[in-house]
Amino acid sequence: MEAAFWHKRWEENRIGFHQADVNPFLQDCWQGSPEQGPVLVPLCGKSADMVWLSRQGHAVHGFELSELAVSQFFEEQGLGVQQDVLGPYRRHLSGEIALHQGDFFAAASLGHRYRLAYDRAALIALPTAMRQDYADLMARLMVAGGEVLLITLEYQPEQQEQPPFSVGELAVRALFERTFRVEVLGRRSEQDHPRVMAGQLSYFDEVAYRLTRRG
């Protein structure tokens, strides 16, 4: 997606992908410890998941294109914020949370590599043509043995032309297995999803994976 698409979505408050509550898979499946260093959160939006990670003792490095999303995160969480410039990013800092406002695909230019990452809404936000570049970038950013908690969506029929997209297990394995070991952690069916209830979708599932960077 072009940058203008995402800026417009945030400006028009068309952010159905945003979850106000902490993701249950994050609470159930997270195994990282603060001693492993900061948690990379690509395409982070204004997710409350970052606050949950911070409360577990983690430093958080979020990356988000929309300045509006970044400012709303700190405002809604009641956090004071300082700003500076780091490489191609305007960095917004509050305690151990640092949100880098700019294009995530420039993240490698900062020279930082991670042992922990959390992706709830990054991969499923990207059209098919961009996903391999994203997977390759994540491989560059993670050290050997580093772990990514990845959460995707699966729904049927797959007719949606705008994110969040349905990304099934076969697609996840095709994208990541060359550089990561892929483990399916669980699946949750949202039978009460509005589009399922309306008969537009036959099912709407959230699926969690653990990706472990190969050496």
Protein backbone atom coordinates (compact mmCIF):
# COMPACT_ATOMS: atom_id res chain seq x y z
CA MET A 1 0.00 0.00 0.00
CA GLU A 2 1.15 3.56 -0.71
CA ALA A 3 1.87 5.83 2.25
CA ALA A 4 -1.05 8.08 1.25
CA PHE A 5 -3.45 5.16 1.74
CA TRP A 6 -2.48 4.74 5.39
CA HIS A 7 -2.40 8.46 6.13
CA LYS A 8 -5.93 8.74 4.75
CA ARG A 9 -7.17 5.77 6.80
CA TRP A 10 -5.93 7.38 10.02
CA GLU A 11 -7.20 10.85 9.06
CA GLU A 12 -10.67 9.42 8.35
CA ASN A 13 -10.53 7.20 11.47
CA ARG A 14 -11.10 4.10 9.33
CA ILE A 15 -9.04 1.93 11.63
CA GLY A 16 -11.11 -1.22 12.06
CA PHE A 17 -7.81 -3.09 12.35
CA HIS A 18 -7.13 -1.35 15.67
CA GLN A 19 -7.90 -3.33 18.82
CA ALA A 20 -8.64 -1.37 21.98
CA ASP A 21 -7.89 -4.36 24.22
CA VAL A 22 -4.67 -6.31 24.66
CA ASN A 23 -4.55 -9.27 22.29
CA PRO A 24 -5.27 -12.58 24.09
CA PHE A 25 -2.57 -14.44 22.14
CA LEU A 26 0.00 -11.92 23.36
CA GLN A 27 -1.02 -12.53 26.96
CA ASP A 28 -1.13 -16.32 26.55
CA CYS A 29 1.87 -17.00 24.30
CA TRP A 30 4.47 -14.37 25.05
CA GLN A 31 7.70 -15.93 26.35
CA GLY A 32 10.17 -13.07 26.07
CA SER A 33 12.07 -11.62 29.02
CA PRO A 34 13.31 -8.04 29.45
CA GLU A 35 16.90 -9.31 29.56
CA GLN A 36 16.59 -10.18 25.85
CA GLY A 37 16.50 -6.52 24.91
CA PRO A 38 13.84 -4.33 23.31
CA VAL A 39 10.82 -5.72 21.49
CA LEU A 40 10.46 -4.78 17.83
CA VAL A 41 6.84 -3.91 16.94
CA PRO A 42 6.49 -3.21 13.19
CA LEU A 43 3.54 -1.16 11.88
CA CYS A 44 2.50 -0.68 15.48
CA GLY A 45 -0.30 1.88 15.08
CA LYS A 46 -1.51 2.94 18.52
CA SER A 47 -1.77 -0.59 19.89
CA ALA A 48 -2.32 -1.04 23.62
CA ASP A 49 -0.25 -4.22 23.26
CA MET A 50 2.84 -2.03 23.50
CA VAL A 51 1.77 -0.83 26.95
CA TRP A 52 1.26 -4.44 28.04
CA LEU A 53 4.78 -5.31 26.86
CA SER A 54 6.18 -2.30 28.68
CA ARG A 55 4.42 -3.37 31.88
CA GLN A 56 6.15 -6.75 31.63
CA GLY A 57 9.44 -4.84 31.87
CA HIS A 58 10.28 -4.67 28.17
CA ALA A 59 11.66 -1.75 26.25
CA VAL A 60 9.53 -1.32 23.12
CA HIS A 61 10.67 -0.15 19.69
CA GLY A 62 7.58 0.53 17.59
CA PHE A 63 7.61 1.61 13.95
CA GLU A 64 4.64 3.47 12.48
CA LEU A 65 4.14 5.49 9.31
CA SER A 66 1.32 7.71 10.57
CA GLU A 67 2.24 10.63 12.79
CA LEU A 68 -1.42 10.82 13.80
CA ALA A 69 -1.35 7.23 15.08
CA VAL A 70 1.80 7.94 17.09
CA SER A 71 0.40 11.10 18.68
CA GLN A 72 -2.90 9.36 19.49
CA PHE A 73 -1.03 6.52 21.20
CA PHE A 74 0.69 8.78 23.70
CA GLU A 75 -2.40 10.95 24.20
CA GLU A 76 -4.73 8.00 24.82
CA GLN A 77 -2.26 6.33 27.16
CA GLY A 78 -1.72 9.56 29.10
CA LEU A 79 2.02 9.48 28.51
CA GLY A 80 4.31 12.47 28.29
CA VAL A 81 6.53 12.34 25.24
CA GLN A 82 9.83 13.75 24.00
CA GLN A 83 10.96 13.82 20.38
CA ASP A 84 14.23 13.60 18.54
CA VAL A 85 15.49 12.48 15.15
CA LEU A 86 17.14 9.09 14.63
CA GLY A 87 18.25 8.33 11.08
CA PRO A 88 15.21 8.60 8.78
CA TYR A 89 12.77 8.61 11.72
CA ARG A 90 11.20 11.11 14.06
CA ARG A 91 11.45 9.24 17.34
CA HIS A 92 8.84 9.72 20.08
CA LEU A 93 10.00 8.65 23.54
CA SER A 94 8.21 7.99 26.81
CA GLY A 95 10.06 5.90 29.37
CA GLU A 96 10.96 2.58 27.77
CA ILE A 97 8.61 3.06 24.79
CA ALA A 98 10.12 4.51 21.62
CA LEU A 99 7.93 4.93 18.54
CA HIS A 100 9.77 5.59 15.29
CA GLN A 101 7.55 7.56 12.93
CA GLY A 102 8.39 6.81 9.31
CA ASP A 103 8.71 3.98 6.80
CA PHE A 104 9.39 0.65 8.53
CA PHE A 105 11.20 -0.61 5.43
CA ALA A 106 14.07 1.76 6.31
CA ALA A 107 14.53 0.16 9.76
CA ALA A 108 17.71 -1.73 8.82
CA SER A 109 19.47 1.61 8.36
CA LEU A 110 19.50 2.04 12.15
CA GLY A 111 21.80 -0.98 12.50
CA HIS A 112 19.88 -2.52 15.40
CA ARG A 113 19.08 -6.24 15.54
CA TYR A 114 16.51 -7.78 17.84
CA ARG A 115 15.95 -10.94 19.88
CA LEU A 116 12.22 -10.31 20.27
CA ALA A 117 9.49 -9.05 17.94
CA TYR A 118 5.72 -8.87 17.97
CA ASP A 119 3.59 -8.62 14.82
CA ARG A 120 -0.17 -8.46 15.22
CA ALA A 121 -1.10 -6.14 12.37
CA ALA A 122 1.93 -5.77 10.11
CA LEU A 123 1.96 -8.80 7.80
CA ILE A 124 -1.83 -8.77 7.39
CA ALA A 125 -1.69 -5.07 6.49
CA LEU A 126 0.50 -5.70 3.45
CA PRO A 127 -0.68 -6.74 -0.02
CA THR A 128 0.78 -9.92 -1.47
CA ALA A 129 3.43 -8.09 -3.52
CA MET A 130 4.99 -6.53 -0.40
CA ARG A 131 5.01 -9.52 1.93
CA GLN A 132 8.26 -11.16 0.83
CA ASP A 133 10.14 -7.87 1.22
CA TYR A 134 8.68 -7.64 4.71
CA ALA A 135 9.70 -11.21 5.58
CA ASP A 136 13.22 -10.58 4.26
CA LEU A 137 13.50 -7.41 6.32
CA MET A 138 12.38 -9.20 9.47
CA ALA A 139 15.06 -11.82 8.83
CA ARG A 140 17.67 -9.04 8.60
CA LEU A 141 16.47 -7.42 11.81
CA MET A 142 16.38 -10.58 13.96
CA VAL A 143 19.47 -12.27 15.43
CA ALA A 144 19.91 -16.05 15.27
CA GLY A 145 17.57 -17.61 17.79
CA GLY A 146 15.45 -14.47 17.95
CA GLU A 147 11.70 -15.02 18.21
CA VAL A 148 8.75 -13.31 16.55
CA LEU A 149 5.21 -13.73 17.89
CA LEU A 150 3.18 -13.40 14.68
CA ILE A 151 -0.60 -13.11 14.66
CA THR A 152 -2.50 -13.38 11.38
CA LEU A 153 -6.09 -13.52 10.18
CA GLU A 154 -7.79 -16.14 8.07
CA TYR A 155 -11.24 -15.68 6.60
CA GLN A 156 -13.34 -17.05 3.76
CA PRO A 157 -14.14 -16.01 1.12
CA GLU A 158 -10.97 -13.98 0.59
CA GLN A 159 -12.55 -11.18 -1.39
CA GLN A 160 -11.34 -8.21 0.58
CA GLU A 161 -9.26 -5.77 -1.44
CA GLN A 162 -8.14 -3.68 1.53
CA PRO A 163 -6.38 -4.67 4.75
CA PRO A 164 -6.49 -6.54 7.01
CA PHE A 165 -5.86 -9.38 4.57
CA SER A 166 -6.31 -13.10 5.08
CA VAL A 167 -2.87 -14.78 5.28
CA GLY A 168 -3.02 -18.55 5.73
CA GLU A 169 -0.46 -21.01 7.10
CA LEU A 170 0.84 -22.03 3.69
CA ALA A 171 1.56 -18.40 2.88
CA VAL A 172 3.26 -17.84 6.24
CA ARG A 173 5.50 -20.88 5.69
CA ALA A 174 6.33 -19.85 2.12
CA LEU A 175 7.37 -16.40 3.33
CA PHE A 176 9.35 -17.33 6.42
CA GLU A 177 10.50 -20.96 6.52
CA ARG A 178 13.74 -20.32 4.65
CA THR A 179 14.99 -18.10 7.48
CA PHE A 180 12.73 -19.00 10.44
CA ARG A 181 11.40 -22.12 12.09
CA VAL A 182 7.61 -21.79 12.04
CA GLU A 183 5.43 -23.13 14.87
CA VAL A 184 1.65 -22.78 14.99
CA LEU A 185 0.64 -21.82 18.54
CA GLY A 186 -3.12 -21.67 18.25
CA ARG A 187 -6.26 -20.54 16.49
CA ARG A 188 -9.26 -18.56 17.71
CA SER A 189 -12.53 -18.44 15.79
CA GLU A 190 -14.55 -15.24 16.01
CA GLN A 191 -18.05 -16.56 15.36
CA ASP A 192 -19.48 -13.27 16.61
CA HIS A 193 -17.50 -11.21 14.11
CA PRO A 194 -19.96 -8.75 12.47
CA ARG A 195 -19.22 -9.98 8.95
CA VAL A 196 -19.69 -13.61 10.00
CA MET A 197 -22.95 -12.73 11.72
CA ALA A 198 -24.08 -10.90 8.58
CA GLY A 199 -23.27 -13.91 6.39
CA GLN A 200 -20.55 -12.07 4.43
CA LEU A 201 -17.84 -14.44 5.69
CA SER A 202 -18.11 -18.14 6.50
CA TYR A 203 -15.46 -17.83 9.22
CA PHE A 204 -13.00 -15.33 10.68
CA ASP A 205 -10.04 -16.80 12.60
CA GLU A 206 -7.03 -15.34 14.35
CA VAL A 207 -3.93 -17.58 14.21
CA ALA A 208 -0.73 -17.26 16.26
CA TYR A 209 2.74 -18.43 15.22
CA ARG A 210 6.16 -18.43 16.80
CA LEU A 211 8.92 -17.71 14.28
CA THR A 212 12.45 -18.53 15.45
CA ARG A 213 15.31 -17.08 13.42
CA ARG A 214 17.56 -19.79 12.01
CA GLY A 215 21.33 -19.51 12.57
